[in-house]
Amino acid sequence: MHPRPESVVRITFDEANERELIRHRVTPGEVIEVFDNDPLWRTNRRDRAGNRQAIGRTYGGRLLTVVAIWDASTRVLRPITAWEASPAERTSYVNSGRV
C-alpha cells in the first residue's frame, strides 16, 4: 500500500474531527493547506486509528502532522487529528527535501 493517497475526490470533515482538530489548535483550513503543500506522506502505525500521516506546512509556515483515514475505494480522505510536528517528525520532513 502506497502511503500517498492518490486521486482524492473529497476531504471530509464533521463535528467530531473538527472538535479534535480544535483541541490541538489546528483548523480544518490549515489541514487543507498541508495537503495542498506537497506534504511528506507516510503510513500511520498499525495500532492507530488513521492509516495515513501527512507532515507538511501551512501557508503561514506552521509544520503540522495530520493523521487521516484514506479510503481508496471511495477516494475519500478523512482527517481525524493534527498537531504541531514533533522534533522527530520535523527531522523526517526536512530529510525528505521538502523544506
Protein backbone atom coordinates (compact mmCIF):
# COMPACT_ATOMS: atom_id res chain seq x y z
CA MET A 1 0.00 0.00 0.00
CA HIS A 2 1.47 3.33 -1.08
CA PRO A 3 1.38 5.99 1.67
CA ARG A 4 0.36 8.89 -0.58
CA PRO A 5 -3.38 8.96 -1.25
CA GLU A 6 -3.89 9.11 -4.99
CA SER A 7 -6.81 10.72 -6.77
CA VAL A 8 -8.51 12.24 -3.73
CA VAL A 9 -12.05 13.17 -4.72
CA ARG A 10 -13.21 14.53 -1.38
CA ILE A 11 -11.83 15.51 2.00
CA THR A 12 -14.43 15.14 4.73
CA PHE A 13 -14.83 16.99 7.98
CA ASP A 14 -17.56 16.55 10.55
CA GLU A 15 -18.23 17.77 14.06
CA ALA A 16 -16.11 15.03 15.66
CA ASN A 17 -12.93 15.55 13.66
CA GLU A 18 -13.26 19.34 13.75
CA ARG A 19 -13.56 19.19 17.54
CA GLU A 20 -10.41 17.03 17.69
CA LEU A 21 -8.53 19.49 15.48
CA ILE A 22 -9.60 22.42 17.65
CA ARG A 23 -8.38 20.54 20.72
CA HIS A 24 -4.90 20.65 19.14
CA ARG A 25 -5.30 24.28 17.99
CA VAL A 26 -5.46 23.34 14.30
CA THR A 27 -8.17 24.49 11.89
CA PRO A 28 -9.70 22.47 9.05
CA GLY A 29 -8.33 25.15 6.71
CA GLU A 30 -4.80 24.51 7.92
CA VAL A 31 -5.25 20.78 7.27
CA ILE A 32 -6.26 21.56 3.68
CA GLU A 33 -3.21 23.82 3.34
CA VAL A 34 -0.93 20.98 4.49
CA PHE A 35 -2.49 18.68 1.87
CA ASP A 36 -2.06 21.39 -0.80
CA ASN A 37 1.63 21.97 0.01
CA ASP A 38 3.17 18.62 -1.04
CA PRO A 39 3.44 17.06 2.42
CA LEU A 40 5.53 14.06 3.34
CA TRP A 41 3.07 11.15 3.28
CA ARG A 42 3.71 8.02 5.27
CA THR A 43 1.76 5.05 6.52
CA ASN A 44 0.50 5.52 10.06
CA ARG A 45 1.30 2.93 12.72
CA ARG A 46 -0.93 -0.14 12.64
CA ASP A 47 -2.17 0.34 16.20
CA ARG A 48 -3.53 3.83 15.44
CA ALA A 49 -6.91 4.98 14.14
CA GLY A 50 -5.78 6.55 10.88
CA ASN A 51 -3.95 4.78 8.09
CA ARG A 52 -2.06 7.80 6.69
CA GLN A 53 0.10 10.57 8.10
CA ALA A 54 0.95 13.81 6.33
CA ILE A 55 3.69 16.10 7.61
CA GLY A 56 3.68 19.48 5.97
CA ARG A 57 3.47 23.24 6.12
CA THR A 58 0.51 25.55 6.21
CA TYR A 59 0.58 28.70 4.09
CA GLY A 60 1.59 30.53 7.28
CA GLY A 61 4.58 28.22 7.77
CA ARG A 62 3.32 26.03 10.61
CA LEU A 63 4.68 22.50 10.34
CA LEU A 64 1.87 20.09 11.22
CA THR A 65 1.35 16.37 11.34
CA VAL A 66 -2.09 15.31 10.12
CA VAL A 67 -3.48 11.81 10.65
CA ALA A 68 -6.19 10.74 8.24
CA ILE A 69 -8.17 7.76 7.07
CA TRP A 70 -7.77 7.12 3.35
CA ASP A 71 -10.45 5.02 1.66
CA ALA A 72 -9.11 4.06 -1.74
CA SER A 73 -12.42 2.58 -2.91
CA THR A 74 -14.31 5.87 -2.48
CA ARG A 75 -11.21 8.10 -2.83
CA VAL A 76 -12.22 9.96 0.35
CA LEU A 77 -9.64 11.34 2.77
CA ARG A 78 -10.91 11.99 6.32
CA PRO A 79 -8.53 13.87 8.61
CA ILE A 80 -9.03 12.70 12.19
CA THR A 81 -6.45 14.70 14.14
CA ALA A 82 -3.47 17.01 13.72
CA TRP A 83 -0.78 18.60 15.86
CA GLU A 84 2.41 20.66 15.72
CA ALA A 85 5.05 18.35 14.28
CA SER A 86 7.34 16.78 16.88
CA PRO A 87 11.13 17.13 16.60
CA ALA A 88 11.35 13.64 15.04
CA GLU A 89 8.56 14.47 12.57
CA ARG A 90 10.31 17.74 11.69
CA THR A 91 13.52 15.84 11.01
CA SER A 92 11.68 13.39 8.73
CA TYR A 93 10.13 16.31 6.84
CA VAL A 94 13.46 18.12 6.44
CA ASN A 95 15.22 14.91 5.38
CA SER A 96 12.55 14.36 2.71
CA GLY A 97 13.81 17.51 0.94
CA ARG A 98 10.53 19.41 1.26
CA VAL A 99 11.92 22.38 3.20
